[in-house]
């Protein structure tokens, strides 16, 4: 396995980042996870735009899109695989211990690993912790990911693959690594970005391609929705067959099935929509 680190390809087992890198010491970094299909990234332009928005919130320099595109191409050429998980990470770079940034400039790492197509449906549980829709990092894809890991560990203990959060106002927000959609009376709804959710790339495409509505939703909508599905860069559109103790009939309902079909068709026609 070869990765890109600060300007060139390196062997993964010998590539080194400083122990004083701010991504390690204080979580000062942003990242994107991009699906790759036969060596080509999906929706890379949208991912790079979101990476830049996240970096600006943290006060990091704007990522160099041209360099990242070169890095992605080099990593994908060096590591051929039919379906991959491409990870782009930008951190504050080597700095002093504490909160101040050093003058060494940011760190850029691009790596890829193989993955498998997700099952058509899965289970999710709600968790007792909340997203802070007014927090400094609301909507930012930050390397400070521990909160999500704790939630995902709880979900796995309960036999689910995803943890669903409400926000501090008791409204439906998002999954630990996904966005969530519900079907009510045949219409698709998803929480607005003002709920504190990550503005997901797949989320945006599903809204554009299916006409889904951004709606402020109570958390208990999960107990009465006709259908529920998740979206993410690696899951695409994935139905939920269980939420907490509630079984949802069938592998996926008709509206979810159509959303899955539309997404597969449209994403297959254009790898950078």
C-alpha atoms as a PDB file:
ATOM      1  CA  UNK A   1       0.000   0.000   0.000  1.00  0.00           C
ATOM      2  CA  UNK A   2       1.307   3.432  -0.963  1.00  0.00           C
ATOM      3  CA  UNK A   3       0.022   6.730   0.432  1.00  0.00           C
ATOM      4  CA  UNK A   4       0.567  10.402  -0.371  1.00  0.00           C
ATOM      5  CA  UNK A   5       2.234  12.397   2.365  1.00  0.00           C
ATOM      6  CA  UNK A   6       3.286  16.030   1.966  1.00  0.00           C
ATOM      7  CA  UNK A   7       4.194  16.069  -1.684  1.00  0.00           C
ATOM      8  CA  UNK A   8       4.840  12.505  -2.770  1.00  0.00           C
ATOM      9  CA  UNK A   9       4.018   8.826  -2.623  1.00  0.00           C
ATOM     10  CA  UNK A  10       5.401   6.849   0.317  1.00  0.00           C
ATOM     11  CA  UNK A  11       5.185   3.254   1.430  1.00  0.00           C
ATOM     12  CA  UNK A  12       2.412   3.110   4.029  1.00  0.00           C
ATOM     13  CA  UNK A  13       4.496   1.189   6.564  1.00  0.00           C
ATOM     14  CA  UNK A  14       7.317   3.739   6.477  1.00  0.00           C
ATOM     15  CA  UNK A  15       5.351   7.000   6.000  1.00  0.00           C
ATOM     16  CA  UNK A  16       5.689   9.167   9.106  1.00  0.00           C
ATOM     17  CA  UNK A  17       3.848  12.172  10.527  1.00  0.00           C
ATOM     18  CA  UNK A  18       5.418  14.130  13.397  1.00  0.00           C
ATOM     19  CA  UNK A  19       4.312  13.178  16.913  1.00  0.00           C
ATOM     20  CA  UNK A  20       3.783  16.924  17.332  1.00  0.00           C
ATOM     21  CA  UNK A  21       1.383  17.170  14.394  1.00  0.00           C
ATOM     22  CA  UNK A  22      -1.692  19.096  15.548  1.00  0.00           C
ATOM     23  CA  UNK A  23      -3.985  16.537  13.986  1.00  0.00           C
ATOM     24  CA  UNK A  24      -2.643  14.126  16.617  1.00  0.00           C
ATOM     25  CA  UNK A  25      -2.162  16.404  19.605  1.00  0.00           C
ATOM     26  CA  UNK A  26      -5.344  18.504  19.489  1.00  0.00           C
ATOM     27  CA  UNK A  27      -7.469  17.132  16.643  1.00  0.00           C
ATOM     28  CA  UNK A  28      -6.768  20.200  14.519  1.00  0.00           C
ATOM     29  CA  UNK A  29      -7.702  18.820  11.125  1.00  0.00           C
ATOM     30  CA  UNK A  30     -10.395  18.107   8.575  1.00  0.00           C
ATOM     31  CA  UNK A  31     -10.992  15.179   6.273  1.00  0.00           C
ATOM     32  CA  UNK A  32     -13.096  13.726   3.497  1.00  0.00           C
ATOM     33  CA  UNK A  33     -13.955  10.124   2.674  1.00  0.00           C
ATOM     34  CA  UNK A  34     -14.536   9.597  -1.043  1.00  0.00           C
ATOM     35  CA  UNK A  35     -15.899   6.513  -2.776  1.00  0.00           C
ATOM     36  CA  UNK A  36     -13.762   5.276  -5.673  1.00  0.00           C
ATOM     37  CA  UNK A  37     -14.970   3.064  -8.498  1.00  0.00           C
ATOM     38  CA  UNK A  38     -12.354   1.265 -10.611  1.00  0.00           C
ATOM     39  CA  UNK A  39      -9.720   3.822  -9.709  1.00  0.00           C
ATOM     40  CA  UNK A  40     -11.867   6.916 -10.150  1.00  0.00           C
ATOM     41  CA  UNK A  41     -13.209   9.093  -7.305  1.00  0.00           C
ATOM     42  CA  UNK A  42     -16.910   9.898  -7.071  1.00  0.00           C
ATOM     43  CA  UNK A  43     -18.051  13.517  -6.590  1.00  0.00           C
ATOM     44  CA  UNK A  44     -14.487  14.687  -5.908  1.00  0.00           C
ATOM     45  CA  UNK A  45     -15.232  18.341  -6.715  1.00  0.00           C
ATOM     46  CA  UNK A  46     -18.017  18.455  -4.118  1.00  0.00           C
ATOM     47  CA  UNK A  47     -15.782  16.782  -1.548  1.00  0.00           C
ATOM     48  CA  UNK A  48     -12.967  19.261  -2.140  1.00  0.00           C
ATOM     49  CA  UNK A  49     -15.348  22.193  -1.828  1.00  0.00           C
ATOM     50  CA  UNK A  50     -16.599  20.861   1.510  1.00  0.00           C
ATOM     51  CA  UNK A  51     -13.028  20.206   2.653  1.00  0.00           C
ATOM     52  CA  UNK A  52     -12.277  23.878   2.021  1.00  0.00           C
ATOM     53  CA  UNK A  53     -15.370  25.036   3.902  1.00  0.00           C
ATOM     54  CA  UNK A  54     -14.397  22.868   6.872  1.00  0.00           C
ATOM     55  CA  UNK A  55     -10.799  24.121   6.803  1.00  0.00           C
ATOM     56  CA  UNK A  56     -11.949  27.731   6.859  1.00  0.00           C
ATOM     57  CA  UNK A  57     -14.078  27.117   9.953  1.00  0.00           C
ATOM     58  CA  UNK A  58     -10.993  25.795  11.758  1.00  0.00           C
ATOM     59  CA  UNK A  59      -8.830  28.625  10.433  1.00  0.00           C
ATOM     60  CA  UNK A  60      -6.660  26.283   8.381  1.00  0.00           C
ATOM     61  CA  UNK A  61      -5.215  27.382   5.029  1.00  0.00           C
ATOM     62  CA  UNK A  62      -7.386  26.592   2.026  1.00  0.00           C
ATOM     63  CA  UNK A  63      -6.418  23.136   0.757  1.00  0.00           C
ATOM     64  CA  UNK A  64      -4.712  23.142  -2.650  1.00  0.00           C
ATOM     65  CA  UNK A  65      -7.269  21.397  -4.854  1.00  0.00           C
ATOM     66  CA  UNK A  66      -4.814  20.821  -7.693  1.00  0.00           C
ATOM     67  CA  UNK A  67      -2.321  19.135  -5.377  1.00  0.00           C
ATOM     68  CA  UNK A  68      -5.039  16.993  -3.818  1.00  0.00           C
ATOM     69  CA  UNK A  69      -6.271  15.907  -7.246  1.00  0.00           C
ATOM     70  CA  UNK A  70      -2.719  14.910  -8.184  1.00  0.00           C
ATOM     71  CA  UNK A  71      -2.374  13.071  -4.892  1.00  0.00           C
ATOM     72  CA  UNK A  72      -5.647  11.214  -5.384  1.00  0.00           C
ATOM     73  CA  UNK A  73      -4.717  10.204  -8.924  1.00  0.00           C
ATOM     74  CA  UNK A  74      -1.279   8.988  -7.817  1.00  0.00           C
ATOM     75  CA  UNK A  75      -2.632   6.997  -4.879  1.00  0.00           C
ATOM     76  CA  UNK A  76      -5.368   5.393  -6.962  1.00  0.00           C
ATOM     77  CA  UNK A  77      -2.926   4.461  -9.713  1.00  0.00           C
ATOM     78  CA  UNK A  78      -0.536   2.952  -7.166  1.00  0.00           C
ATOM     79  CA  UNK A  79      -3.281   0.964  -5.426  1.00  0.00           C
ATOM     80  CA  UNK A  80      -5.729  -0.415  -8.027  1.00  0.00           C
ATOM     81  CA  UNK A  81      -9.004  -1.810  -6.660  1.00  0.00           C
ATOM     82  CA  UNK A  82     -12.602  -2.100  -7.925  1.00  0.00           C
ATOM     83  CA  UNK A  83     -14.248  -0.288  -4.997  1.00  0.00           C
ATOM     84  CA  UNK A  84     -12.331   1.892  -2.576  1.00  0.00           C
ATOM     85  CA  UNK A  85     -12.471   4.243   0.393  1.00  0.00           C
ATOM     86  CA  UNK A  86     -10.256   7.275  -0.366  1.00  0.00           C
ATOM     87  CA  UNK A  87      -9.343   9.328   2.690  1.00  0.00           C
ATOM     88  CA  UNK A  88      -8.099  12.927   2.333  1.00  0.00           C
ATOM     89  CA  UNK A  89      -6.777  14.449   5.574  1.00  0.00           C
ATOM     90  CA  UNK A  90      -5.510  17.985   6.125  1.00  0.00           C
ATOM     91  CA  UNK A  91      -4.170  18.991   9.549  1.00  0.00           C
ATOM     92  CA  UNK A  92      -2.645  22.073  11.147  1.00  0.00           C
ATOM     93  CA  UNK A  93       0.782  20.466  10.774  1.00  0.00           C
ATOM     94  CA  UNK A  94       3.715  20.234  13.147  1.00  0.00           C
ATOM     95  CA  UNK A  95       3.295  22.691  16.016  1.00  0.00           C
ATOM     96  CA  UNK A  96       4.140  23.320  19.650  1.00  0.00           C
ATOM     97  CA  UNK A  97       2.394  21.436  22.426  1.00  0.00           C
ATOM     98  CA  UNK A  98      -0.638  23.446  23.456  1.00  0.00           C
ATOM     99  CA  UNK A  99      -3.164  25.377  21.423  1.00  0.00           C
ATOM    100  CA  UNK A 100      -0.925  27.603  19.288  1.00  0.00           C
ATOM    101  CA  UNK A 101      -0.104  26.726  15.684  1.00  0.00           C
ATOM    102  CA  UNK A 102       3.485  26.487  14.488  1.00  0.00           C
ATOM    103  CA  UNK A 103       4.948  27.850  11.286  1.00  0.00           C
ATOM    104  CA  UNK A 104       5.567  24.537   9.538  1.00  0.00           C
ATOM    105  CA  UNK A 105       2.427  24.594   7.390  1.00  0.00           C
ATOM    106  CA  UNK A 106      -0.333  22.008   7.058  1.00  0.00           C
ATOM    107  CA  UNK A 107       0.015  18.258   6.659  1.00  0.00           C
ATOM    108  CA  UNK A 108      -1.706  16.498   3.745  1.00  0.00           C
ATOM    109  CA  UNK A 109      -2.281  12.742   3.722  1.00  0.00           C
ATOM    110  CA  UNK A 110      -4.184  10.817   1.034  1.00  0.00           C
ATOM    111  CA  UNK A 111      -4.702   7.071   1.392  1.00  0.00           C
ATOM    112  CA  UNK A 112      -7.045   4.450  -0.014  1.00  0.00           C
ATOM    113  CA  UNK A 113      -8.305   1.059   1.119  1.00  0.00           C
ATOM    114  CA  UNK A 114     -10.573  -1.473  -0.500  1.00  0.00           C
ATOM    115  CA  UNK A 115     -14.165  -1.793   0.614  1.00  0.00           C
ATOM    116  CA  UNK A 116     -17.235  -3.874  -0.188  1.00  0.00           C
ATOM    117  CA  UNK A 117     -20.677  -2.770  -1.316  1.00  0.00           C
ATOM    118  CA  UNK A 118     -22.922  -2.203   1.687  1.00  0.00           C
ATOM    119  CA  UNK A 119     -25.968  -4.416   2.343  1.00  0.00           C
ATOM    120  CA  UNK A 120     -29.223  -3.061   0.961  1.00  0.00           C
ATOM    121  CA  UNK A 121     -30.574  -2.550   4.479  1.00  0.00           C
ATOM    122  CA  UNK A 122     -29.271  -2.227   8.031  1.00  0.00           C
ATOM    123  CA  UNK A 123     -30.303  -1.377  11.600  1.00  0.00           C
ATOM    124  CA  UNK A 124     -29.770   1.827  13.578  1.00  0.00           C
ATOM    125  CA  UNK A 125     -30.306   2.960  17.146  1.00  0.00           C
ATOM    126  CA  UNK A 126     -30.811   6.378  18.668  1.00  0.00           C
ATOM    127  CA  UNK A 127     -28.214   7.387  21.250  1.00  0.00           C
ATOM    128  CA  UNK A 128     -28.635   9.493  24.413  1.00  0.00           C
ATOM    129  CA  UNK A 129     -26.076  12.099  23.402  1.00  0.00           C
ATOM    130  CA  UNK A 130     -26.924  15.170  21.325  1.00  0.00           C
ATOM    131  CA  UNK A 131     -25.452  17.183  18.493  1.00  0.00           C
ATOM    132  CA  UNK A 132     -24.980  20.848  19.348  1.00  0.00           C
ATOM    133  CA  UNK A 133     -26.522  22.696  16.414  1.00  0.00           C
ATOM    134  CA  UNK A 134     -24.947  25.922  17.706  1.00  0.00           C
ATOM    135  CA  UNK A 135     -21.481  24.443  18.274  1.00  0.00           C
ATOM    136  CA  UNK A 136     -18.354  25.839  16.648  1.00  0.00           C
ATOM    137  CA  UNK A 137     -17.906  22.653  14.617  1.00  0.00           C
ATOM    138  CA  UNK A 138     -21.531  22.099  13.578  1.00  0.00           C
ATOM    139  CA  UNK A 139     -21.513  20.876   9.989  1.00  0.00           C
ATOM    140  CA  UNK A 140     -17.707  20.463   9.903  1.00  0.00           C
ATOM    141  CA  UNK A 141     -16.049  17.144   9.026  1.00  0.00           C
ATOM    142  CA  UNK A 142     -13.354  17.323  11.667  1.00  0.00           C
ATOM    143  CA  UNK A 143     -10.705  14.790  12.660  1.00  0.00           C
ATOM    144  CA  UNK A 144     -11.982  15.249  16.226  1.00  0.00           C
ATOM    145  CA  UNK A 145     -14.070  12.107  15.751  1.00  0.00           C
ATOM    146  CA  UNK A 146     -14.181  10.514  19.201  1.00  0.00           C
ATOM    147  CA  UNK A 147     -17.832  11.433  19.843  1.00  0.00           C
ATOM    148  CA  UNK A 148     -18.831   9.484  16.745  1.00  0.00           C
ATOM    149  CA  UNK A 149     -16.706   6.490  17.735  1.00  0.00           C
ATOM    150  CA  UNK A 150     -18.357   6.283  21.164  1.00  0.00           C
ATOM    151  CA  UNK A 151     -21.810   6.400  19.543  1.00  0.00           C
ATOM    152  CA  UNK A 152     -20.906   3.802  16.916  1.00  0.00           C
ATOM    153  CA  UNK A 153     -19.530   1.476  19.577  1.00  0.00           C
ATOM    154  CA  UNK A 154     -22.843   1.703  21.417  1.00  0.00           C
ATOM    155  CA  UNK A 155     -24.723   0.959  18.196  1.00  0.00           C
ATOM    156  CA  UNK A 156     -22.627  -2.146  17.515  1.00  0.00           C
ATOM    157  CA  UNK A 157     -23.201  -3.385  21.057  1.00  0.00           C
ATOM    158  CA  UNK A 158     -26.940  -3.180  20.317  1.00  0.00           C
ATOM    159  CA  UNK A 159     -26.668  -5.036  17.004  1.00  0.00           C
ATOM    160  CA  UNK A 160     -26.831  -1.988  14.727  1.00  0.00           C
ATOM    161  CA  UNK A 161     -24.411  -0.402  12.273  1.00  0.00           C
ATOM    162  CA  UNK A 162     -25.323   3.241  12.839  1.00  0.00           C
ATOM    163  CA  UNK A 163     -26.097   5.613  15.717  1.00  0.00           C
ATOM    164  CA  UNK A 164     -28.669   8.362  15.234  1.00  0.00           C
ATOM    165  CA  UNK A 165     -28.463  11.714  17.049  1.00  0.00           C
ATOM    166  CA  UNK A 166     -30.993  14.306  18.006  1.00  0.00           C
ATOM    167  CA  UNK A 167     -29.844  17.861  18.639  1.00  0.00           C
ATOM    168  CA  UNK A 168     -30.107  19.992  21.774  1.00  0.00           C
ATOM    169  CA  UNK A 169     -33.624  21.084  20.744  1.00  0.00           C
ATOM    170  CA  UNK A 170     -34.831  17.476  20.600  1.00  0.00           C
ATOM    171  CA  UNK A 171     -35.014  17.458  16.799  1.00  0.00           C
ATOM    172  CA  UNK A 172     -33.724  14.746  14.467  1.00  0.00           C
ATOM    173  CA  UNK A 173     -30.206  15.596  13.304  1.00  0.00           C
ATOM    174  CA  UNK A 174     -28.030  12.888  11.691  1.00  0.00           C
ATOM    175  CA  UNK A 175     -26.194   9.623  12.080  1.00  0.00           C
ATOM    176  CA  UNK A 176     -22.672   9.315  13.427  1.00  0.00           C
ATOM    177  CA  UNK A 177     -21.402   8.792   9.866  1.00  0.00           C
ATOM    178  CA  UNK A 178     -24.534   9.321   7.789  1.00  0.00           C
ATOM    179  CA  UNK A 179     -27.423  11.591   7.016  1.00  0.00           C
ATOM    180  CA  UNK A 180     -30.935  10.326   7.687  1.00  0.00           C
ATOM    181  CA  UNK A 181     -34.088  10.555   5.575  1.00  0.00           C
ATOM    182  CA  UNK A 182     -37.665   9.617   6.477  1.00  0.00           C
ATOM    183  CA  UNK A 183     -40.677   8.947   4.288  1.00  0.00           C
ATOM    184  CA  UNK A 184     -43.989  10.413   5.452  1.00  0.00           C
ATOM    185  CA  UNK A 185     -47.133   9.918   3.343  1.00  0.00           C
ATOM    186  CA  UNK A 186     -45.015   9.142   0.298  1.00  0.00           C
ATOM    187  CA  UNK A 187     -42.762  12.222   0.602  1.00  0.00           C
ATOM    188  CA  UNK A 188     -39.061  12.186   1.489  1.00  0.00           C
ATOM    189  CA  UNK A 189     -37.822  14.485   4.252  1.00  0.00           C
ATOM    190  CA  UNK A 190     -34.412  15.101   5.811  1.00  0.00           C
ATOM    191  CA  UNK A 191     -33.292  17.483   8.588  1.00  0.00           C
ATOM    192  CA  UNK A 192     -32.008  20.892   7.405  1.00  0.00           C
ATOM    193  CA  UNK A 193     -28.378  21.879   7.944  1.00  0.00           C
ATOM    194  CA  UNK A 194     -29.601  24.233  10.682  1.00  0.00           C
ATOM    195  CA  UNK A 195     -30.238  21.081  12.736  1.00  0.00           C
ATOM    196  CA  UNK A 196     -26.446  20.789  13.077  1.00  0.00           C
ATOM    197  CA  UNK A 197     -26.076  17.903  10.635  1.00  0.00           C
ATOM    198  CA  UNK A 198     -23.135  17.501   8.288  1.00  0.00           C
ATOM    199  CA  UNK A 199     -24.052  18.762   4.801  1.00  0.00           C
ATOM    200  CA  UNK A 200     -23.416  15.363   3.254  1.00  0.00           C
ATOM    201  CA  UNK A 201     -22.391  14.973  -0.375  1.00  0.00           C
ATOM    202  CA  UNK A 202     -24.746  12.047  -0.975  1.00  0.00           C
ATOM    203  CA  UNK A 203     -27.421  13.885   1.009  1.00  0.00           C
ATOM    204  CA  UNK A 204     -27.225  16.846  -1.377  1.00  0.00           C
ATOM    205  CA  UNK A 205     -27.404  14.605  -4.438  1.00  0.00           C
ATOM    206  CA  UNK A 206     -30.407  12.717  -3.099  1.00  0.00           C
ATOM    207  CA  UNK A 207     -32.197  16.012  -2.442  1.00  0.00           C
ATOM    208  CA  UNK A 208     -31.413  17.174  -5.990  1.00  0.00           C
ATOM    209  CA  UNK A 209     -32.286  13.889  -7.682  1.00  0.00           C
ATOM    210  CA  UNK A 210     -35.410  12.874  -5.752  1.00  0.00           C
ATOM    211  CA  UNK A 211     -36.960  16.178  -4.706  1.00  0.00           C
ATOM    212  CA  UNK A 212     -36.590  15.366  -1.005  1.00  0.00           C
ATOM    213  CA  UNK A 213     -37.542  18.232   1.322  1.00  0.00           C
ATOM    214  CA  UNK A 214     -35.471  19.703   4.137  1.00  0.00           C
ATOM    215  CA  UNK A 215     -37.822  19.645   7.113  1.00  0.00           C
ATOM    216  CA  UNK A 216     -37.402  20.349  10.809  1.00  0.00           C
ATOM    217  CA  UNK A 217     -38.371  16.993  12.324  1.00  0.00           C
ATOM    218  CA  UNK A 218     -38.896  15.784  15.899  1.00  0.00           C
ATOM    219  CA  UNK A 219     -36.684  12.905  16.980  1.00  0.00           C
ATOM    220  CA  UNK A 220     -39.695  10.644  17.508  1.00  0.00           C
ATOM    221  CA  UNK A 221     -40.502  10.813  13.791  1.00  0.00           C
ATOM    222  CA  UNK A 222     -38.347   7.674  13.575  1.00  0.00           C
ATOM    223  CA  UNK A 223     -41.110   5.795  15.415  1.00  0.00           C
ATOM    224  CA  UNK A 224     -43.842   6.726  12.942  1.00  0.00           C
ATOM    225  CA  UNK A 225     -42.151   7.211   9.578  1.00  0.00           C
ATOM    226  CA  UNK A 226     -43.302   4.858   6.836  1.00  0.00           C
ATOM    227  CA  UNK A 227     -39.709   4.311   5.711  1.00  0.00           C
ATOM    228  CA  UNK A 228     -36.278   5.436   6.891  1.00  0.00           C
ATOM    229  CA  UNK A 229     -33.003   5.404   4.984  1.00  0.00           C
ATOM    230  CA  UNK A 230     -29.421   6.558   5.415  1.00  0.00           C
ATOM    231  CA  UNK A 231     -27.020   8.209   3.005  1.00  0.00           C
ATOM    232  CA  UNK A 232     -23.248   8.533   2.968  1.00  0.00           C
ATOM    233  CA  UNK A 233     -20.382   8.402   0.504  1.00  0.00           C
ATOM    234  CA  UNK A 234     -19.807   4.685   1.107  1.00  0.00           C
ATOM    235  CA  UNK A 235     -23.386   3.586   1.839  1.00  0.00           C
ATOM    236  CA  UNK A 236     -24.917   5.562  -1.063  1.00  0.00           C
ATOM    237  CA  UNK A 237     -28.618   5.077  -0.181  1.00  0.00           C
ATOM    238  CA  UNK A 238     -29.246   2.350   2.399  1.00  0.00           C
ATOM    239  CA  UNK A 239     -32.615   1.329   3.825  1.00  0.00           C
ATOM    240  CA  UNK A 240     -33.214   0.795   7.530  1.00  0.00           C
ATOM    241  CA  UNK A 241     -35.099  -2.388   8.447  1.00  0.00           C
ATOM    242  CA  UNK A 242     -34.941  -1.594  12.174  1.00  0.00           C
ATOM    243  CA  UNK A 243     -34.754   1.579  14.281  1.00  0.00           C
ATOM    244  CA  UNK A 244     -34.298   0.895  17.977  1.00  0.00           C
ATOM    245  CA  UNK A 245     -36.914  -1.811  18.674  1.00  0.00           C
ATOM    246  CA  UNK A 246     -39.126  -0.900  15.738  1.00  0.00           C
ATOM    247  CA  UNK A 247     -39.079  -3.243  12.743  1.00  0.00           C
ATOM    248  CA  UNK A 248     -39.738  -1.567   9.410  1.00  0.00           C
ATOM    249  CA  UNK A 249     -41.550  -3.871   6.957  1.00  0.00           C
ATOM    250  CA  UNK A 250     -39.592  -5.309   4.055  1.00  0.00           C
ATOM    251  CA  UNK A 251     -35.955  -4.817   3.118  1.00  0.00           C
ATOM    252  CA  UNK A 252     -36.877  -1.383   1.807  1.00  0.00           C
ATOM    253  CA  UNK A 253     -40.135   0.396   1.084  1.00  0.00           C
ATOM    254  CA  UNK A 254     -41.136   1.569  -2.394  1.00  0.00           C
ATOM    255  CA  UNK A 255     -39.988   5.171  -1.956  1.00  0.00           C
ATOM    256  CA  UNK A 256     -36.597   4.112  -0.602  1.00  0.00           C
ATOM    257  CA  UNK A 257     -36.229   1.537  -3.367  1.00  0.00           C
ATOM    258  CA  UNK A 258     -36.869   4.232  -5.962  1.00  0.00           C
ATOM    259  CA  UNK A 259     -34.353   6.559  -4.305  1.00  0.00           C
ATOM    260  CA  UNK A 260     -31.786   3.754  -4.400  1.00  0.00           C
ATOM    261  CA  UNK A 261     -32.509   3.109  -8.068  1.00  0.00           C
ATOM    262  CA  UNK A 262     -32.288   6.776  -9.026  1.00  0.00           C
ATOM    263  CA  UNK A 263     -29.035   7.259  -7.127  1.00  0.00           C
ATOM    264  CA  UNK A 264     -27.412   4.181  -8.686  1.00  0.00           C
ATOM    265  CA  UNK A 265     -28.482   5.274 -12.160  1.00  0.00           C
ATOM    266  CA  UNK A 266     -27.486   8.940 -11.880  1.00  0.00           C
ATOM    267  CA  UNK A 267     -24.184   8.302 -10.068  1.00  0.00           C
ATOM    268  CA  UNK A 268     -23.272   5.645 -12.621  1.00  0.00           C
ATOM    269  CA  UNK A 269     -23.696   8.130 -15.461  1.00  0.00           C
ATOM    270  CA  UNK A 270     -21.575  10.908 -13.951  1.00  0.00           C
ATOM    271  CA  UNK A 271     -18.686  10.346 -11.505  1.00  0.00           C
ATOM    272  CA  UNK A 272     -18.326  14.061 -10.712  1.00  0.00           C
ATOM    273  CA  UNK A 273     -21.883  15.407 -10.517  1.00  0.00           C
END
